[in-house]
Amino acid sequence: MWITKTSPMRTAEPLPAGAARAAALRRAGAACGCAALGYLAARAVFTALAGALLAMRVPGASLANPAGTGLAEAILLQAAVSALSLAAPFALLPLAGTPPASNGFRRLGAEAKAGLFLLFWLLMMAGNLLAGALTGGQNTASRMELPAGGLALAAAWLAVCLVPAVGEELLFRGLLQGWLRPFGPVVAVAGPALLFGLLHGRLSAVVAGLFGGLALGLAAAASGSLVPGMVFHLYNNTLAFAGQYCQQYGAPPLVSYILMFLPPLAALAFAPWRALPARKRGRLRGQGRDWLCLLRSPGYLAALAVLAALSVYKTIGG
């Protein structure tokens, strides 16, 4: 199949369908890069606006130092900044040429859901172990100081666990993975996962985020739905939330251990691996070429370079 390409300077010349596909993939990659950088830009803008609102009440106040504002109210404001920042890239939908493909929300059997959760848990544990090895077992990620209890603690769970679980899945596995889905599962899963990992900042967090992005992308691709990834993401965030709370207040880590090991043990007992959705033969054919084509997308590469530079800065001296 040949597509005609016209130019005001030259006569029409044939363009092979493969080249048209490569051009479409580069455009989709550029849209993904713009969405990732757009999220960062939106977060900076909304953070500044929230700080300006707080400063109107108390001069010198900011989102990092919300003087004169109740703790629960300040945390809810942070949650709103996060939610608006994650929603902002959806304004870039036209850049990809077509809207993202629907995830379908197909129903999975209980055994398949348990199998997907086991796969997610194993990848997440592998990422966390590797990240811990890079930092000597010390968590260097920047974290919100958790309140001791009450409404403020509930607001912190909302901001740290629920909003990212829903918003990041809509953005990375819904919008970005939707843009790349027509080019096959390898590109669709790995492309957003790399951006997702680099957005986590320091090197150890990038490694954990990359493994998490791959696991969540696989869950979306295998299930045809964003719901499993949202649930798995929320579980992972809540596990980290409980671990930090126990460490911060010297509480027995029993709850954290229960959350870490009981769900995967239950899933292991409940679902055999054969319950996972089967891969069709030949589905990965040509995926290596598409992946290389994505890495030649200037917009995607520019986003990777910017995010990698920010990660190096935060790792070394940020």
Protein backbone atom coordinates (compact mmCIF):
# COMPACT_ATOMS: atom_id res chain seq x y z
CA MET A 1 0.00 0.00 0.00
CA TRP A 2 1.31 3.46 -0.91
CA ILE A 3 0.23 6.88 0.29
CA THR A 4 0.74 9.95 -1.87
CA LYS A 5 2.72 12.79 -0.32
CA THR A 6 2.62 16.22 -1.98
CA SER A 7 5.02 19.13 -1.67
CA PRO A 8 4.82 22.69 -3.11
CA MET A 9 8.43 22.36 -4.28
CA ARG A 10 8.34 18.86 -5.81
CA THR A 11 5.97 16.58 -7.65
CA ALA A 12 4.00 14.02 -5.68
CA GLU A 13 6.11 11.11 -4.48
CA PRO A 14 5.04 7.80 -3.02
CA LEU A 15 5.33 7.26 0.72
CA PRO A 16 5.28 3.64 1.91
CA ALA A 17 2.68 2.68 4.52
CA GLY A 18 5.52 1.68 6.86
CA ALA A 19 6.86 5.24 6.77
CA ALA A 20 3.37 6.57 7.45
CA ARG A 21 3.11 4.29 10.48
CA ALA A 22 6.51 5.45 11.71
CA ALA A 23 5.48 9.09 11.34
CA ALA A 24 2.24 8.42 13.24
CA LEU A 25 4.21 6.70 16.00
CA ARG A 26 6.61 9.64 16.27
CA ARG A 27 3.64 12.01 16.59
CA ALA A 28 2.08 9.84 19.29
CA GLY A 29 5.44 9.70 21.09
CA ALA A 30 5.74 13.47 20.91
CA ALA A 31 2.24 13.81 22.35
CA CYS A 32 3.24 11.50 25.23
CA GLY A 33 6.37 13.58 25.89
CA CYS A 34 4.35 16.81 25.82
CA ALA A 35 1.81 15.30 28.22
CA ALA A 36 4.54 14.30 30.71
CA LEU A 37 6.20 17.72 30.58
CA GLY A 38 2.78 19.38 30.59
CA TYR A 39 2.00 17.62 33.85
CA LEU A 40 5.18 19.04 35.41
CA ALA A 41 4.44 22.53 34.08
CA ALA A 42 0.84 22.38 35.30
CA ARG A 43 1.99 21.25 38.74
CA ALA A 44 4.36 24.23 38.97
CA VAL A 45 1.60 26.63 37.89
CA PHE A 46 -1.06 25.23 40.23
CA THR A 47 1.43 25.11 43.11
CA ALA A 48 2.21 28.80 42.54
CA LEU A 49 -1.48 29.66 42.37
CA ALA A 50 -2.21 27.76 45.58
CA GLY A 51 0.69 29.54 47.27
CA ALA A 52 -0.66 32.89 46.10
CA LEU A 53 -4.07 32.08 47.56
CA LEU A 54 -2.52 31.14 50.89
CA ALA A 55 -0.37 34.29 50.86
CA MET A 56 -3.49 36.42 50.46
CA ARG A 57 -4.56 35.16 53.89
CA VAL A 58 -1.14 35.17 55.57
CA PRO A 59 1.77 37.02 53.91
CA GLY A 60 4.67 34.68 53.21
CA ALA A 61 2.56 31.53 53.32
CA SER A 62 2.94 28.93 50.58
CA LEU A 63 1.87 25.37 49.81
CA ALA A 64 5.09 24.14 51.45
CA ASN A 65 4.50 26.40 54.46
CA PRO A 66 0.72 26.86 54.78
CA ALA A 67 0.79 29.23 57.73
CA GLY A 68 -2.61 30.23 59.02
CA THR A 69 -4.35 27.26 57.39
CA GLY A 70 -5.62 24.14 59.12
CA LEU A 71 -3.60 20.99 58.51
CA ALA A 72 -6.45 19.06 56.88
CA GLU A 73 -7.33 22.05 54.71
CA ALA A 74 -3.71 22.45 53.57
CA ILE A 75 -3.44 18.76 52.68
CA LEU A 76 -6.71 18.87 50.74
CA LEU A 77 -5.33 21.85 48.82
CA GLN A 78 -2.27 19.76 47.93
CA ALA A 79 -4.60 16.99 46.75
CA ALA A 80 -6.45 19.49 44.55
CA VAL A 81 -3.16 20.71 43.04
CA SER A 82 -2.19 17.11 42.27
CA ALA A 83 -5.57 16.28 40.71
CA LEU A 84 -5.63 19.41 38.53
CA SER A 85 -2.04 18.82 37.41
CA LEU A 86 -2.84 15.25 36.35
CA ALA A 87 -5.93 16.45 34.49
CA ALA A 88 -4.15 19.26 32.61
CA PRO A 89 -2.43 17.05 29.95
CA PHE A 90 -5.82 15.90 28.68
CA ALA A 91 -6.00 19.27 26.94
CA LEU A 92 -3.30 17.89 24.58
CA LEU A 93 -5.59 15.24 23.07
CA PRO A 94 -5.52 16.75 19.55
CA LEU A 95 -1.72 16.47 19.34
CA ALA A 96 -1.86 12.72 18.73
CA GLY A 97 -4.21 13.08 15.78
CA THR A 98 -6.79 10.70 17.24
CA PRO A 99 -8.23 10.31 20.75
CA PRO A 100 -6.89 7.44 22.86
CA ALA A 101 -8.47 4.06 22.30
CA SER A 102 -11.06 2.96 24.83
CA ASN A 103 -9.88 0.47 27.42
CA GLY A 104 -13.13 -1.41 27.03
CA PHE A 105 -13.53 -2.27 30.72
CA ARG A 106 -13.88 -5.95 29.88
CA ARG A 107 -14.83 -8.15 32.79
CA LEU A 108 -12.15 -10.48 34.06
CA GLY A 109 -12.73 -13.67 36.00
CA ALA A 110 -11.71 -13.67 39.65
CA GLU A 111 -8.80 -16.04 38.97
CA ALA A 112 -7.41 -13.79 36.22
CA LYS A 113 -7.64 -10.75 38.50
CA ALA A 114 -5.72 -12.59 41.20
CA GLY A 115 -3.11 -13.66 38.66
CA LEU A 116 -2.65 -10.08 37.46
CA PHE A 117 -2.27 -8.93 41.05
CA LEU A 118 0.45 -11.52 41.67
CA LEU A 119 2.32 -10.34 38.58
CA PHE A 120 1.99 -6.73 39.73
CA TRP A 121 3.14 -7.58 43.27
CA LEU A 122 6.21 -9.47 42.05
CA LEU A 123 7.29 -6.65 39.75
CA MET A 124 6.72 -4.05 42.45
CA MET A 125 8.73 -6.03 44.99
CA ALA A 126 11.53 -6.48 42.45
CA GLY A 127 11.58 -2.73 41.78
CA ASN A 128 11.60 -1.86 45.47
CA LEU A 129 14.38 -4.36 46.22
CA LEU A 130 16.51 -2.97 43.40
CA ALA A 131 15.82 0.59 44.51
CA GLY A 132 16.78 -0.35 48.08
CA ALA A 133 20.02 -1.89 46.84
CA LEU A 134 20.91 1.34 45.06
CA THR A 135 20.46 3.37 48.26
CA GLY A 136 21.86 0.88 50.76
CA GLY A 137 18.39 0.03 52.02
CA GLN A 138 17.52 3.66 52.87
CA ASN A 139 14.47 5.37 51.44
CA THR A 140 15.56 8.76 50.14
CA ALA A 141 12.30 9.70 48.46
CA SER A 142 10.70 12.95 49.56
CA ARG A 143 7.53 12.23 51.52
CA MET A 144 4.76 14.16 53.22
CA GLU A 145 4.97 14.16 57.00
CA LEU A 146 1.87 12.26 58.04
CA PRO A 147 -0.50 13.61 60.70
CA ALA A 148 -1.05 11.50 63.81
CA GLY A 149 -4.73 10.88 63.12
CA GLY A 150 -8.17 12.34 62.61
CA LEU A 151 -9.42 14.23 59.56
CA ALA A 152 -5.91 15.36 58.66
CA LEU A 153 -4.70 11.74 58.38
CA ALA A 154 -7.69 10.87 56.17
CA ALA A 155 -6.91 13.90 54.00
CA ALA A 156 -3.28 12.76 53.75
CA TRP A 157 -4.39 9.29 52.59
CA LEU A 158 -6.58 10.95 49.97
CA ALA A 159 -3.70 13.13 48.73
CA VAL A 160 -0.93 10.52 48.86
CA CYS A 161 -2.80 7.33 47.95
CA LEU A 162 -6.16 7.83 46.23
CA VAL A 163 -5.59 10.86 43.99
CA PRO A 164 -2.33 9.54 42.46
CA ALA A 165 -3.79 6.03 42.04
CA VAL A 166 -6.75 7.28 40.04
CA GLY A 167 -5.18 10.30 38.33
CA GLU A 168 -1.91 8.66 37.27
CA GLU A 169 -3.72 5.64 35.85
CA LEU A 170 -6.03 7.88 33.85
CA LEU A 171 -3.05 9.84 32.54
CA PHE A 172 -0.38 7.19 31.91
CA ARG A 173 -2.35 4.02 31.28
CA GLY A 174 -5.42 5.76 29.87
CA LEU A 175 -4.21 8.73 27.82
CA LEU A 176 -0.56 7.87 27.01
CA GLN A 177 -0.99 4.12 26.69
CA GLY A 178 -4.14 4.77 24.66
CA TRP A 179 -2.18 6.90 22.19
CA LEU A 180 0.44 4.16 21.77
CA ARG A 181 -1.87 1.14 21.86
CA PRO A 182 -2.38 1.00 18.06
CA PHE A 183 1.36 0.32 17.69
CA GLY A 184 1.38 -2.84 19.79
CA PRO A 185 1.71 -3.89 23.43
CA VAL A 186 5.48 -3.44 23.82
CA VAL A 187 5.45 0.22 22.78
CA ALA A 188 2.15 0.89 24.57
CA VAL A 189 3.38 -0.52 27.89
CA ALA A 190 7.06 0.49 27.87
CA GLY A 191 6.72 3.99 26.40
CA PRO A 192 4.56 5.49 29.19
CA ALA A 193 6.36 3.40 31.85
CA LEU A 194 9.69 5.06 31.06
CA LEU A 195 8.18 8.55 31.40
CA PHE A 196 6.31 7.47 34.52
CA GLY A 197 9.50 6.19 36.16
CA LEU A 198 11.54 9.31 35.36
CA LEU A 199 8.82 11.55 36.80
CA HIS A 200 9.51 10.03 40.23
CA GLY A 201 12.67 12.11 40.70
CA ARG A 202 15.58 10.48 42.49
CA LEU A 203 17.29 7.43 40.95
CA SER A 204 15.97 4.92 43.49
CA ALA A 205 12.43 6.22 43.04
CA VAL A 206 12.88 6.16 39.25
CA VAL A 207 13.80 2.46 39.37
CA ALA A 208 10.80 1.60 41.54
CA GLY A 209 8.55 3.79 39.40
CA LEU A 210 9.75 2.12 36.18
CA PHE A 211 8.97 -1.36 37.51
CA GLY A 212 5.64 -0.09 38.79
CA GLY A 213 4.82 1.53 35.45
CA LEU A 214 5.58 -1.70 33.60
CA ALA A 215 3.45 -3.71 36.03
CA LEU A 216 0.51 -1.30 35.79
CA GLY A 217 0.83 -1.08 32.02
CA LEU A 218 0.73 -4.87 31.76
CA ALA A 219 -2.37 -4.92 33.97
CA ALA A 220 -4.11 -2.43 31.67
CA ALA A 221 -3.03 -4.27 28.51
CA ALA A 222 -4.00 -7.73 29.79
CA SER A 223 -7.32 -6.73 31.33
CA GLY A 224 -8.46 -4.12 28.81
CA SER A 225 -9.42 -1.93 31.76
CA LEU A 226 -7.99 0.82 33.94
CA VAL A 227 -9.76 -0.49 37.03
CA PRO A 228 -7.28 -3.26 37.99
CA GLY A 229 -4.36 -0.83 37.71
CA MET A 230 -6.16 1.74 39.85
CA VAL A 231 -6.82 -0.88 42.53
CA PHE A 232 -3.23 -2.21 42.41
CA HIS A 233 -1.83 1.33 42.45
CA LEU A 234 -3.99 2.24 45.43
CA TYR A 235 -2.84 -0.92 47.23
CA ASN A 236 0.83 -0.05 46.63
CA ASN A 237 0.37 3.55 47.78
CA THR A 238 -1.55 2.49 50.89
CA LEU A 239 1.17 -0.06 51.71
CA ALA A 240 3.83 2.67 51.55
CA PHE A 241 1.53 5.00 53.52
CA ALA A 242 1.10 2.43 56.32
CA GLY A 243 4.83 1.70 56.39
CA GLN A 244 5.70 5.37 56.70
CA TYR A 245 3.11 5.91 59.44
CA CYS A 246 4.50 3.02 61.48
CA GLN A 247 8.05 4.27 61.03
CA GLN A 248 7.19 7.89 61.75
CA TYR A 249 5.29 7.22 64.96
CA GLY A 250 7.14 4.12 66.15
CA ALA A 251 4.05 1.94 65.78
CA PRO A 252 4.42 -1.85 65.46
CA PRO A 253 4.74 -2.63 61.74
CA LEU A 254 2.18 -5.44 61.95
CA VAL A 255 -0.37 -3.65 59.75
CA SER A 256 2.30 -2.97 57.13
CA TYR A 257 3.41 -6.62 57.08
CA ILE A 258 -0.19 -7.82 56.82
CA LEU A 259 -0.80 -5.51 53.86
CA MET A 260 2.44 -6.60 52.24
CA PHE A 261 2.07 -10.37 52.43
CA LEU A 262 -1.55 -11.37 53.08
CA PRO A 263 -3.05 -10.21 49.72
CA PRO A 264 -0.41 -11.93 47.53
CA LEU A 265 -0.61 -15.12 49.61
CA ALA A 266 -4.38 -15.13 49.22
CA ALA A 267 -4.04 -14.51 45.48
CA LEU A 268 -1.43 -17.27 45.17
CA ALA A 269 -3.75 -19.74 46.87
CA PHE A 270 -6.74 -18.62 44.84
CA ALA A 271 -5.52 -18.23 41.26
CA PRO A 272 -3.21 -20.40 39.16
CA TRP A 273 -1.00 -18.69 36.60
CA ARG A 274 -2.93 -20.36 33.82
CA ALA A 275 -5.79 -17.97 34.66
CA LEU A 276 -3.88 -15.03 33.15
CA PRO A 277 -5.19 -13.85 29.76
CA ALA A 278 -3.40 -15.76 27.01
CA ARG A 279 -1.19 -13.93 24.54
CA LYS A 280 -2.06 -14.42 20.90
CA ARG A 281 0.63 -15.89 18.68
CA GLY A 282 2.58 -13.39 16.62
CA ARG A 283 1.29 -10.39 18.52
CA LEU A 284 4.77 -9.12 19.37
CA ARG A 285 6.07 -9.41 15.80
CA GLY A 286 7.74 -6.17 14.70
CA GLN A 287 7.54 -4.61 18.15
CA GLY A 288 11.30 -4.04 18.35
CA ARG A 289 11.19 -1.85 15.25
CA ASP A 290 8.29 0.16 16.65
CA TRP A 291 10.16 0.66 19.94
CA LEU A 292 13.21 1.98 18.08
CA CYS A 293 10.94 4.26 16.08
CA LEU A 294 9.46 5.66 19.29
CA LEU A 295 12.97 6.37 20.57
CA ARG A 296 13.57 8.39 17.41
CA SER A 297 10.61 10.67 18.15
CA PRO A 298 12.13 14.13 18.90
CA GLY A 299 9.29 15.07 21.25
CA TYR A 300 9.53 11.84 23.21
CA LEU A 301 13.34 12.04 23.38
CA ALA A 302 13.20 15.67 24.53
CA ALA A 303 10.87 14.73 27.38
CA LEU A 304 13.15 11.85 28.38
CA ALA A 305 16.17 14.18 28.37
CA VAL A 306 14.45 16.82 30.52
CA LEU A 307 13.13 14.28 33.01
CA ALA A 308 16.47 12.46 33.18
CA ALA A 309 18.27 15.75 33.87
CA LEU A 310 15.81 16.55 36.67
CA SER A 311 16.30 13.06 38.09
CA VAL A 312 20.11 13.45 38.08
CA TYR A 313 19.79 16.87 39.74
CA LYS A 314 17.53 15.53 42.49
CA THR A 315 19.70 12.46 42.99
CA ILE A 316 22.99 14.37 43.28
CA GLY A 317 22.06 17.56 45.03
CA GLY A 318 18.41 18.39 44.77
